[in-house]
PDB file of N, CA and C in Angstrom:
ATOM      1  N   MET A   1       5.445  -2.421  13.767  1.00  0.00           N
ATOM      2  CA  MET A   1       5.896  -2.274  12.215  1.00  0.00           C
ATOM      3  C   MET A   1       6.159  -3.621  11.474  1.00  0.00           C
ATOM      4  N   ASP A   2       6.413  -4.650  12.196  1.00  0.00           N
ATOM      5  CA  ASP A   2       6.582  -5.926  11.869  1.00  0.00           C
ATOM      6  C   ASP A   2       5.190  -6.272  10.870  1.00  0.00           C
ATOM      7  N   LEU A   3       4.153  -5.954  11.555  1.00  0.00           N
ATOM      8  CA  LEU A   3       2.753  -6.245  10.884  1.00  0.00           C
ATOM      9  C   LEU A   3       2.804  -5.509   9.438  1.00  0.00           C
ATOM     10  N   VAL A   4       3.066  -4.338   9.617  1.00  0.00           N
ATOM     11  CA  VAL A   4       2.886  -3.548   8.516  1.00  0.00           C
ATOM     12  C   VAL A   4       3.905  -4.010   7.212  1.00  0.00           C
ATOM     13  N   PHE A   5       5.247  -4.444   7.496  1.00  0.00           N
ATOM     14  CA  PHE A   5       5.884  -4.928   6.395  1.00  0.00           C
ATOM     15  C   PHE A   5       5.460  -6.485   6.263  1.00  0.00           C
ATOM     16  N   LYS A   6       4.865  -7.322   6.925  1.00  0.00           N
ATOM     17  CA  LYS A   6       4.354  -8.557   6.621  1.00  0.00           C
ATOM     18  C   LYS A   6       3.109  -8.387   5.844  1.00  0.00           C
ATOM     19  N   ALA A   7       2.376  -7.247   6.014  1.00  0.00           N
ATOM     20  CA  ALA A   7       0.995  -6.866   5.312  1.00  0.00           C
ATOM     21  C   ALA A   7       1.598  -6.607   3.833  1.00  0.00           C
ATOM     22  N   LEU A   8       2.420  -5.708   3.894  1.00  0.00           N
ATOM     23  CA  LEU A   8       2.788  -5.176   2.475  1.00  0.00           C
ATOM     24  C   LEU A   8       3.729  -6.203   1.556  1.00  0.00           C
ATOM     25  N   ALA A   9       4.371  -7.469   2.221  1.00  0.00           N
ATOM     26  CA  ALA A   9       4.724  -8.324   1.597  1.00  0.00           C
ATOM     27  C   ALA A   9       4.049  -9.247   0.656  1.00  0.00           C
ATOM     28  N   ASP A  10       2.927  -9.101   0.580  1.00  0.00           N
ATOM     29  CA  ASP A  10       2.063  -9.985   0.028  1.00  0.00           C
ATOM     30  C   ASP A  10       1.373  -8.862  -1.300  1.00  0.00           C
ATOM     31  N   SER A  11       1.542  -9.479  -2.530  1.00  0.00           N
ATOM     32  CA  SER A  11       0.865  -8.752  -3.695  1.00  0.00           C
ATOM     33  C   SER A  11      -0.525  -8.476  -3.641  1.00  0.00           C
ATOM     34  N   THR A  12      -1.271  -9.419  -3.261  1.00  0.00           N
ATOM     35  CA  THR A  12      -2.683  -9.291  -3.148  1.00  0.00           C
ATOM     36  C   THR A  12      -3.064  -8.253  -2.231  1.00  0.00           C
ATOM     37  N   ARG A  13      -2.358  -8.040  -1.023  1.00  0.00           N
ATOM     38  CA  ARG A  13      -2.776  -7.036  -0.113  1.00  0.00           C
ATOM     39  C   ARG A  13      -2.093  -5.654  -0.495  1.00  0.00           C
ATOM     40  N   ARG A  14      -1.109  -5.368  -1.429  1.00  0.00           N
ATOM     41  CA  ARG A  14      -0.545  -4.401  -2.039  1.00  0.00           C
ATOM     42  C   ARG A  14      -1.692  -4.044  -3.001  1.00  0.00           C
ATOM     43  N   GLN A  15      -2.353  -4.909  -3.890  1.00  0.00           N
ATOM     44  CA  GLN A  15      -3.214  -4.735  -4.636  1.00  0.00           C
ATOM     45  C   GLN A  15      -4.602  -4.083  -4.235  1.00  0.00           C
ATOM     46  N   LEU A  16      -5.009  -4.384  -3.033  1.00  0.00           N
ATOM     47  CA  LEU A  16      -5.982  -4.020  -2.210  1.00  0.00           C
ATOM     48  C   LEU A  16      -5.794  -2.637  -1.856  1.00  0.00           C
ATOM     49  N   LEU A  17      -4.474  -2.239  -1.349  1.00  0.00           N
ATOM     50  CA  LEU A  17      -4.164  -0.863  -1.184  1.00  0.00           C
ATOM     51  C   LEU A  17      -4.343  -0.180  -2.134  1.00  0.00           C
ATOM     52  N   ASP A  18      -3.715  -0.453  -3.389  1.00  0.00           N
ATOM     53  CA  ASP A  18      -3.962   0.284  -4.641  1.00  0.00           C
ATOM     54  C   ASP A  18      -5.390   0.618  -5.040  1.00  0.00           C
ATOM     55  N   LEU A  19      -6.320  -0.295  -5.123  1.00  0.00           N
ATOM     56  CA  LEU A  19      -7.572  -0.434  -5.111  1.00  0.00           C
ATOM     57  C   LEU A  19      -8.456   1.058  -4.042  1.00  0.00           C
ATOM     58  N   LEU A  20      -7.917   0.788  -2.805  1.00  0.00           N
ATOM     59  CA  LEU A  20      -8.417   1.887  -2.032  1.00  0.00           C
ATOM     60  C   LEU A  20      -7.799   3.242  -2.352  1.00  0.00           C
ATOM     61  N   HIS A  21      -6.552   3.146  -2.702  1.00  0.00           N
ATOM     62  CA  HIS A  21      -6.030   4.609  -2.935  1.00  0.00           C
ATOM     63  C   HIS A  21      -6.585   5.101  -4.230  1.00  0.00           C
ATOM     64  N   ALA A  22      -7.151   4.318  -5.079  1.00  0.00           N
ATOM     65  CA  ALA A  22      -7.760   4.796  -6.226  1.00  0.00           C
ATOM     66  C   ALA A  22      -9.033   5.299  -6.187  1.00  0.00           C
ATOM     67  N   ARG A  23      -9.871   4.586  -5.128  1.00  0.00           N
ATOM     68  CA  ARG A  23     -11.183   5.030  -4.717  1.00  0.00           C
ATOM     69  C   ARG A  23     -11.329   4.343  -3.106  1.00  0.00           C
ATOM     70  N   ASN A  24     -11.210   5.350  -2.255  1.00  0.00           N
ATOM     71  CA  ASN A  24     -11.364   5.060  -0.734  1.00  0.00           C
ATOM     72  C   ASN A  24     -12.624   4.856  -0.483  1.00  0.00           C
ATOM     73  N   GLY A  25     -13.157   3.989   0.524  1.00  0.00           N
ATOM     74  CA  GLY A  25     -14.527   3.842   1.180  1.00  0.00           C
ATOM     75  C   GLY A  25     -15.196   2.951   0.375  1.00  0.00           C
ATOM     76  N   GLN A  26     -14.363   1.804   0.003  1.00  0.00           N
ATOM     77  CA  GLN A  26     -15.320   0.579  -0.702  1.00  0.00           C
ATOM     78  C   GLN A  26     -15.616  -0.394   0.275  1.00  0.00           C
ATOM     79  N   THR A  27     -16.732  -1.392  -0.256  1.00  0.00           N
ATOM     80  CA  THR A  27     -17.257  -2.320   0.638  1.00  0.00           C
ATOM     81  C   THR A  27     -16.500  -3.431   0.124  1.00  0.00           C
ATOM     82  N   LEU A  28     -16.502  -4.893   1.134  1.00  0.00           N
ATOM     83  CA  LEU A  28     -15.990  -5.962   0.624  1.00  0.00           C
ATOM     84  C   LEU A  28     -16.276  -6.295  -0.547  1.00  0.00           C
ATOM     85  N   GLY A  29     -17.533  -6.209  -1.027  1.00  0.00           N
ATOM     86  CA  GLY A  29     -17.948  -6.633  -2.341  1.00  0.00           C
ATOM     87  C   GLY A  29     -17.094  -5.907  -3.462  1.00  0.00           C
ATOM     88  N   GLU A  30     -17.245  -4.718  -3.343  1.00  0.00           N
ATOM     89  CA  GLU A  30     -16.530  -3.565  -4.221  1.00  0.00           C
ATOM     90  C   GLU A  30     -15.041  -4.207  -4.555  1.00  0.00           C
ATOM     91  N   LEU A  31     -14.575  -4.413  -3.324  1.00  0.00           N
ATOM     92  CA  LEU A  31     -13.089  -4.966  -3.578  1.00  0.00           C
ATOM     93  C   LEU A  31     -12.766  -6.138  -4.259  1.00  0.00           C
ATOM     94  N   CYS A  32     -13.780  -7.016  -3.898  1.00  0.00           N
ATOM     95  CA  CYS A  32     -13.677  -8.398  -4.525  1.00  0.00           C
ATOM     96  C   CYS A  32     -13.776  -8.282  -6.121  1.00  0.00           C
ATOM     97  N   GLU A  33     -14.670  -7.410  -6.780  1.00  0.00           N
ATOM     98  CA  GLU A  33     -14.618  -7.108  -8.173  1.00  0.00           C
ATOM     99  C   GLU A  33     -13.364  -6.870  -8.960  1.00  0.00           C
ATOM    100  N   GLY A  34     -12.563  -6.320  -8.154  1.00  0.00           N
ATOM    101  CA  GLY A  34     -11.362  -5.988  -8.484  1.00  0.00           C
ATOM    102  C   GLY A  34     -10.198  -7.058  -8.544  1.00  0.00           C
ATOM    103  N   LEU A  35     -10.465  -8.068  -8.061  1.00  0.00           N
ATOM    104  CA  LEU A  35      -9.524  -9.259  -7.651  1.00  0.00           C
ATOM    105  C   LEU A  35     -10.409 -10.648  -8.112  1.00  0.00           C
ATOM    106  N   ALA A  36      -9.432 -11.382  -8.630  1.00  0.00           N
ATOM    107  CA  ALA A  36      -9.764 -12.805  -8.948  1.00  0.00           C
ATOM    108  C   ALA A  36      -9.696 -13.919  -7.945  1.00  0.00           C
ATOM    109  N   ILE A  37      -9.933 -13.553  -6.702  1.00  0.00           N
ATOM    110  CA  ILE A  37      -9.960 -14.625  -5.571  1.00  0.00           C
ATOM    111  C   ILE A  37     -11.223 -14.490  -4.955  1.00  0.00           C
ATOM    112  N   SER A  38     -11.411 -15.534  -4.093  1.00  0.00           N
ATOM    113  CA  SER A  38     -12.503 -15.650  -3.342  1.00  0.00           C
ATOM    114  C   SER A  38     -12.687 -14.324  -2.233  1.00  0.00           C
ATOM    115  N   ARG A  39     -14.028 -14.360  -2.112  1.00  0.00           N
ATOM    116  CA  ARG A  39     -14.630 -13.341  -1.123  1.00  0.00           C
ATOM    117  C   ARG A  39     -13.879 -13.429   0.279  1.00  0.00           C
ATOM    118  N   GLN A  40     -13.894 -14.905   0.734  1.00  0.00           N
ATOM    119  CA  GLN A  40     -13.436 -15.141   1.955  1.00  0.00           C
ATOM    120  C   GLN A  40     -11.702 -14.891   2.072  1.00  0.00           C
ATOM    121  N   ALA A  41     -10.883 -15.006   1.015  1.00  0.00           N
ATOM    122  CA  ALA A  41      -9.644 -14.727   0.901  1.00  0.00           C
ATOM    123  C   ALA A  41      -9.331 -13.152   0.879  1.00  0.00           C
ATOM    124  N   VAL A  42     -10.245 -12.317   0.136  1.00  0.00           N
ATOM    125  CA  VAL A  42     -10.259 -11.005   0.267  1.00  0.00           C
ATOM    126  C   VAL A  42     -10.416 -10.573   1.863  1.00  0.00           C
ATOM    127  N   SER A  43     -11.518 -10.934   2.314  1.00  0.00           N
ATOM    128  CA  SER A  43     -11.560 -10.980   3.917  1.00  0.00           C
ATOM    129  C   SER A  43     -10.739 -10.849   4.591  1.00  0.00           C
ATOM    130  N   LYS A  44      -9.817 -12.157   4.391  1.00  0.00           N
ATOM    131  CA  LYS A  44      -8.534 -12.431   5.490  1.00  0.00           C
ATOM    132  C   LYS A  44      -7.645 -11.283   5.120  1.00  0.00           C
ATOM    133  N   HIS A  45      -7.353 -11.055   3.877  1.00  0.00           N
ATOM    134  CA  HIS A  45      -6.446 -10.274   3.480  1.00  0.00           C
ATOM    135  C   HIS A  45      -6.612  -8.742   4.039  1.00  0.00           C
ATOM    136  N   LEU A  46      -7.826  -8.294   4.241  1.00  0.00           N
ATOM    137  CA  LEU A  46      -8.402  -7.145   4.697  1.00  0.00           C
ATOM    138  C   LEU A  46      -8.242  -7.119   6.282  1.00  0.00           C
ATOM    139  N   ALA A  47      -8.464  -8.220   6.910  1.00  0.00           N
ATOM    140  CA  ALA A  47      -8.215  -8.265   8.360  1.00  0.00           C
ATOM    141  C   ALA A  47      -6.786  -8.082   8.774  1.00  0.00           C
ATOM    142  N   LEU A  48      -5.805  -8.639   7.725  1.00  0.00           N
ATOM    143  CA  LEU A  48      -4.344  -8.575   8.379  1.00  0.00           C
ATOM    144  C   LEU A  48      -4.123  -6.913   7.967  1.00  0.00           C
ATOM    145  N   LEU A  49      -4.699  -6.173   6.868  1.00  0.00           N
ATOM    146  CA  LEU A  49      -4.341  -4.933   6.785  1.00  0.00           C
ATOM    147  C   LEU A  49      -4.804  -4.247   7.751  1.00  0.00           C
ATOM    148  N   GLU A  50      -6.062  -4.424   8.205  1.00  0.00           N
ATOM    149  CA  GLU A  50      -6.363  -3.862   9.348  1.00  0.00           C
ATOM    150  C   GLU A  50      -5.669  -3.946  10.563  1.00  0.00           C
ATOM    151  N   ALA A  51      -5.238  -5.076  10.777  1.00  0.00           N
ATOM    152  CA  ALA A  51      -4.435  -5.291  12.179  1.00  0.00           C
ATOM    153  C   ALA A  51      -3.095  -4.640  12.086  1.00  0.00           C
ATOM    154  N   ALA A  52      -2.450  -4.414  10.775  1.00  0.00           N
ATOM    155  CA  ALA A  52      -1.593  -3.404  10.526  1.00  0.00           C
ATOM    156  C   ALA A  52      -1.634  -2.168  10.499  1.00  0.00           C
ATOM    157  N   ASN A  53      -3.018  -1.875  10.799  1.00  0.00           N
ATOM    158  CA  ASN A  53      -3.280  -0.228  10.652  1.00  0.00           C
ATOM    159  C   ASN A  53      -3.135   0.426   9.412  1.00  0.00           C
ATOM    160  N   LEU A  54      -3.211  -0.408   8.305  1.00  0.00           N
ATOM    161  CA  LEU A  54      -3.118   0.169   6.986  1.00  0.00           C
ATOM    162  C   LEU A  54      -4.502   0.261   6.443  1.00  0.00           C
ATOM    163  N   VAL A  55      -5.332  -0.284   7.037  1.00  0.00           N
ATOM    164  CA  VAL A  55      -6.808  -0.105   6.423  1.00  0.00           C
ATOM    165  C   VAL A  55      -7.758   0.052   7.823  1.00  0.00           C
ATOM    166  N   ALA A  56      -8.595   1.213   7.424  1.00  0.00           N
ATOM    167  CA  ALA A  56      -9.545   1.526   8.639  1.00  0.00           C
ATOM    168  C   ALA A  56     -10.979   1.085   8.186  1.00  0.00           C
ATOM    169  N   THR A  57     -11.865   0.890   8.898  1.00  0.00           N
ATOM    170  CA  THR A  57     -13.142   0.584   8.610  1.00  0.00           C
ATOM    171  C   THR A  57     -14.173   1.305   9.273  1.00  0.00           C
ATOM    172  N   VAL A  58     -15.111   1.665   8.466  1.00  0.00           N
ATOM    173  CA  VAL A  58     -16.124   2.493   9.122  1.00  0.00           C
ATOM    174  C   VAL A  58     -17.714   1.800   8.825  1.00  0.00           C
ATOM    175  N   TRP A  59     -18.404   1.596   9.698  1.00  0.00           N
ATOM    176  CA  TRP A  59     -19.748   0.996   9.296  1.00  0.00           C
ATOM    177  C   TRP A  59     -20.642   2.188   9.247  1.00  0.00           C
ATOM    178  N   GLN A  60     -21.425   1.881   7.869  1.00  0.00           N
ATOM    179  CA  GLN A  60     -22.327   2.955   7.299  1.00  0.00           C
ATOM    180  C   GLN A  60     -23.752   2.282   7.133  1.00  0.00           C
ATOM    181  N   GLY A  61     -24.543   2.093   8.097  1.00  0.00           N
ATOM    182  CA  GLY A  61     -25.732   1.219   7.871  1.00  0.00           C
ATOM    183  C   GLY A  61     -25.412  -0.372   8.150  1.00  0.00           C
ATOM    184  N   ARG A  62     -25.455  -0.825   7.325  1.00  0.00           N
ATOM    185  CA  ARG A  62     -25.302  -2.370   7.298  1.00  0.00           C
ATOM    186  C   ARG A  62     -23.950  -2.600   6.328  1.00  0.00           C
ATOM    187  N   GLU A  63     -23.272  -1.519   5.971  1.00  0.00           N
ATOM    188  CA  GLU A  63     -22.257  -1.662   5.016  1.00  0.00           C
ATOM    189  C   GLU A  63     -20.931  -1.337   5.812  1.00  0.00           C
ATOM    190  N   LYS A  64     -19.842  -2.195   5.358  1.00  0.00           N
ATOM    191  CA  LYS A  64     -18.493  -1.904   6.132  1.00  0.00           C
ATOM    192  C   LYS A  64     -17.703  -1.436   5.167  1.00  0.00           C
ATOM    193  N   LEU A  65     -17.235   0.023   5.323  1.00  0.00           N
ATOM    194  CA  LEU A  65     -16.454   0.592   4.293  1.00  0.00           C
ATOM    195  C   LEU A  65     -15.117   0.670   4.584  1.00  0.00           C
ATOM    196  N   HIS A  66     -14.099   0.486   3.724  1.00  0.00           N
ATOM    197  CA  HIS A  66     -12.661   0.243   3.933  1.00  0.00           C
ATOM    198  C   HIS A  66     -11.999   1.390   3.493  1.00  0.00           C
ATOM    199  N   TYR A  67     -11.095   2.118   4.211  1.00  0.00           N
ATOM    200  CA  TYR A  67     -10.329   3.166   3.961  1.00  0.00           C
ATOM    201  C   TYR A  67      -8.840   2.860   4.143  1.00  0.00           C
ATOM    202  N   LEU A  68      -7.936   3.368   3.192  1.00  0.00           N
ATOM    203  CA  LEU A  68      -6.682   3.554   3.292  1.00  0.00           C
ATOM    204  C   LEU A  68      -6.087   4.210   4.229  1.00  0.00           C
ATOM    205  N   ASN A  69      -5.211   3.840   5.389  1.00  0.00           N
ATOM    206  CA  ASN A  69      -4.432   4.581   6.251  1.00  0.00           C
ATOM    207  C   ASN A  69      -3.008   4.585   5.923  1.00  0.00           C
ATOM    208  N   PRO A  70      -2.700   5.702   5.213  1.00  0.00           N
ATOM    209  CA  PRO A  70      -1.291   5.969   4.851  1.00  0.00           C
ATOM    210  C   PRO A  70      -0.360   6.253   5.865  1.00  0.00           C
ATOM    211  N   VAL A  71      -0.852   6.227   7.013  1.00  0.00           N
ATOM    212  CA  VAL A  71       0.477   6.783   7.981  1.00  0.00           C
ATOM    213  C   VAL A  71       1.484   5.550   8.248  1.00  0.00           C
ATOM    214  N   PRO A  72       0.935   4.353   8.544  1.00  0.00           N
ATOM    215  CA  PRO A  72       2.343   3.439   8.684  1.00  0.00           C
ATOM    216  C   PRO A  72       3.183   3.433   7.632  1.00  0.00           C
ATOM    217  N   ILE A  73       2.639   3.743   6.372  1.00  0.00           N
ATOM    218  CA  ILE A  73       3.526   3.681   5.213  1.00  0.00           C
ATOM    219  C   ILE A  73       4.346   5.083   5.257  1.00  0.00           C
ATOM    220  N   HIS A  74       3.899   5.995   5.438  1.00  0.00           N
ATOM    221  CA  HIS A  74       4.632   6.970   5.950  1.00  0.00           C
ATOM    222  C   HIS A  74       5.836   6.942   6.917  1.00  0.00           C
ATOM    223  N   GLU A  75       5.388   6.334   8.156  1.00  0.00           N
ATOM    224  CA  GLU A  75       6.414   6.202   9.174  1.00  0.00           C
ATOM    225  C   GLU A  75       7.376   5.117   8.575  1.00  0.00           C
ATOM    226  N   ILE A  76       7.247   4.345   7.728  1.00  0.00           N
ATOM    227  CA  ILE A  76       8.234   3.334   7.202  1.00  0.00           C
ATOM    228  C   ILE A  76       9.093   4.325   6.350  1.00  0.00           C
ATOM    229  N   SER A  77       8.556   5.345   5.422  1.00  0.00           N
ATOM    230  CA  SER A  77       9.248   6.227   4.656  1.00  0.00           C
ATOM    231  C   SER A  77      10.328   7.018   5.399  1.00  0.00           C
ATOM    232  N   GLU A  78       9.808   7.545   6.478  1.00  0.00           N
ATOM    233  CA  GLU A  78      10.449   8.387   7.224  1.00  0.00           C
ATOM    234  C   GLU A  78      11.810   7.631   8.102  1.00  0.00           C
ATOM    235  N   ARG A  79      11.471   6.570   8.577  1.00  0.00           N
ATOM    236  CA  ARG A  79      12.293   5.588   9.125  1.00  0.00           C
ATOM    237  C   ARG A  79      13.431   4.965   8.243  1.00  0.00           C
ATOM    238  N   TRP A  80      13.139   4.460   7.247  1.00  0.00           N
ATOM    239  CA  TRP A  80      13.891   3.622   6.444  1.00  0.00           C
ATOM    240  C   TRP A  80      14.233   4.546   5.110  1.00  0.00           C
ATOM    241  N   ILE A  81      13.540   5.401   4.822  1.00  0.00           N
ATOM    242  CA  ILE A  81      14.014   5.770   3.468  1.00  0.00           C
ATOM    243  C   ILE A  81      14.325   7.515   3.750  1.00  0.00           C
ATOM    244  N   GLY A  82      13.600   8.141   4.382  1.00  0.00           N
ATOM    245  CA  GLY A  82      13.801   9.600   4.758  1.00  0.00           C
ATOM    246  C   GLY A  82      15.050   9.856   5.346  1.00  0.00           C
ATOM    247  N   LYS A  83      15.871   9.021   6.129  1.00  0.00           N
ATOM    248  CA  LYS A  83      17.037   9.181   6.584  1.00  0.00           C
ATOM    249  C   LYS A  83      18.368   9.338   5.621  1.00  0.00           C
ATOM    250  N   PHE A  84      17.964   8.979   4.395  1.00  0.00           N
ATOM    251  CA  PHE A  84      18.978   9.165   3.494  1.00  0.00           C
ATOM    252  C   PHE A  84      18.525  10.454   2.736  1.00  0.00           C
ATOM    253  N   GLU A  85      19.409  11.388   2.543  1.00  0.00           N
ATOM    254  CA  GLU A  85      19.231  12.709   1.916  1.00  0.00           C
ATOM    255  C   GLU A  85      18.821  12.430   0.652  1.00  0.00           C
ATOM    256  N   ARG A  86      17.561  13.289   0.267  1.00  0.00           N
ATOM    257  CA  ARG A  86      16.926  12.857  -1.132  1.00  0.00           C
ATOM    258  C   ARG A  86      17.981  13.548  -2.318  1.00  0.00           C
ATOM    259  N   THR A  87      18.859  14.515  -1.956  1.00  0.00           N
ATOM    260  CA  THR A  87      19.860  14.916  -2.976  1.00  0.00           C
ATOM    261  C   THR A  87      20.842  13.890  -3.554  1.00  0.00           C
ATOM    262  N   HIS A  88      21.222  13.141  -2.309  1.00  0.00           N
ATOM    263  CA  HIS A  88      22.195  11.906  -2.538  1.00  0.00           C
ATOM    264  C   HIS A  88      21.462  10.782  -3.348  1.00  0.00           C
ATOM    265  N   LEU A  89      20.346  10.671  -3.054  1.00  0.00           N
ATOM    266  CA  LEU A  89      19.474   9.520  -3.795  1.00  0.00           C
ATOM    267  C   LEU A  89      19.329   9.942  -5.388  1.00  0.00           C
ATOM    268  N   ASP A  90      19.071  11.126  -5.407  1.00  0.00           N
ATOM    269  CA  ASP A  90      18.770  11.682  -7.009  1.00  0.00           C
ATOM    270  C   ASP A  90      19.964  11.552  -7.684  1.00  0.00           C
ATOM    271  N   ALA A  91      21.065  12.031  -6.998  1.00  0.00           N
ATOM    272  CA  ALA A  91      22.379  12.052  -7.705  1.00  0.00           C
ATOM    273  C   ALA A  91      22.894  10.525  -8.174  1.00  0.00           C
ATOM    274  N   LEU A  92      22.669   9.679  -7.483  1.00  0.00           N
ATOM    275  CA  LEU A  92      22.707   8.239  -7.425  1.00  0.00           C
ATOM    276  C   LEU A  92      21.862   7.503  -8.690  1.00  0.00           C
ATOM    277  N   ALA A  93      20.643   8.139  -8.565  1.00  0.00           N
ATOM    278  CA  ALA A  93      19.746   7.868  -9.676  1.00  0.00           C
ATOM    279  C   ALA A  93      20.148   8.331 -11.005  1.00  0.00           C
ATOM    280  N   HIS A  94      20.746   9.484 -10.936  1.00  0.00           N
ATOM    281  CA  HIS A  94      21.034  10.255 -12.318  1.00  0.00           C
ATOM    282  C   HIS A  94      22.383   9.492 -12.870  1.00  0.00           C
ATOM    283  N   LEU A  95      23.473   9.107 -11.653  1.00  0.00           N
ATOM    284  CA  LEU A  95      24.554   8.415 -12.325  1.00  0.00           C
ATOM    285  C   LEU A  95      24.149   6.971 -12.895  1.00  0.00           C
ATOM    286  N   LYS A  96      23.205   6.491 -12.281  1.00  0.00           N
ATOM    287  CA  LYS A  96      22.914   5.092 -12.768  1.00  0.00           C
ATOM    288  C   LYS A  96      22.259   5.154 -14.197  1.00  0.00           C
ATOM    289  N   GLN A  97      21.459   6.188 -14.404  1.00  0.00           N
ATOM    290  CA  GLN A  97      20.885   6.171 -15.604  1.00  0.00           C
ATOM    291  C   GLN A  97      21.912   6.538 -16.556  1.00  0.00           C
ATOM    292  N   LYS A  98      23.235   7.524 -16.373  1.00  0.00           N
ATOM    293  CA  LYS A  98      24.091   7.557 -17.435  1.00  0.00           C
ATOM    294  C   LYS A  98      24.799   6.600 -17.630  1.00  0.00           C
ATOM    295  N   LEU A  99      25.247   5.815 -16.526  1.00  0.00           N
ATOM    296  CA  LEU A  99      26.048   4.717 -16.721  1.00  0.00           C
ATOM    297  C   LEU A  99      25.472   3.435 -17.432  1.00  0.00           C
ATOM    298  N   GLU A 100      24.383   3.376 -17.248  1.00  0.00           N
ATOM    299  CA  GLU A 100      23.456   2.388 -18.130  1.00  0.00           C
ATOM    300  C   GLU A 100      22.968   2.885 -19.514  1.00  0.00           C
ATOM    301  N   GLY A 101      23.316   4.392 -19.757  1.00  0.00           N
ATOM    302  CA  GLY A 101      22.841   4.782 -21.238  1.00  0.00           C
ATOM    303  C   GLY A 101      21.545   5.074 -21.526  1.00  0.00           C
ATOM    304  N   GLU A 102      20.741   5.422 -20.274  1.00  0.00           N
ATOM    305  CA  GLU A 102      19.181   5.539 -20.209  1.00  0.00           C
ATOM    306  C   GLU A 102      18.950   7.283 -20.173  1.00  0.00           C
ATOM    307  N   ASP A 103      20.110   8.173 -20.113  1.00  0.00           N
ATOM    308  CA  ASP A 103      19.945   9.357 -20.331  1.00  0.00           C
ATOM    309  C   ASP A 103      19.337  10.125 -21.475  1.00  0.00           C
ATOM    310  N   HIS A 104      18.355  10.679 -21.728  1.00  0.00           N
ATOM    311  CA  HIS A 104      17.831  11.109 -22.747  1.00  0.00           C
ATOM    312  C   HIS A 104      17.676  12.560 -22.756  1.00  0.00           C
ATOM    313  N   ASP A 105      18.554  13.126 -22.129  1.00  0.00           N
ATOM    314  CA  ASP A 105      18.452  15.074 -22.275  1.00  0.00           C
ATOM    315  C   ASP A 105      19.338  15.144 -23.338  1.00  0.00           C
TER     316      ASP A 105
END
């Protein structure tokens, strides 16, 4: 799980995950189009995401396609967020909105 947290700590890697969430199965070249960094940097970020099991790859002929694997994020949610009851979190969020004057009801 440490690798997952390390991978998610970087904004570029989160952006790569967002790109894959929007359109799964992209090549390195396609992912590079959405970022303002070098191809080598994107490749290094993808390698770390793969090591954390957040990205899975499939070779299709000569192309390596990258796919988002949401399972590790779900496991984090279950372990770190899921143990708190949703109703309590919703009540706290509603209270926060009321106290800050953001209630538009």
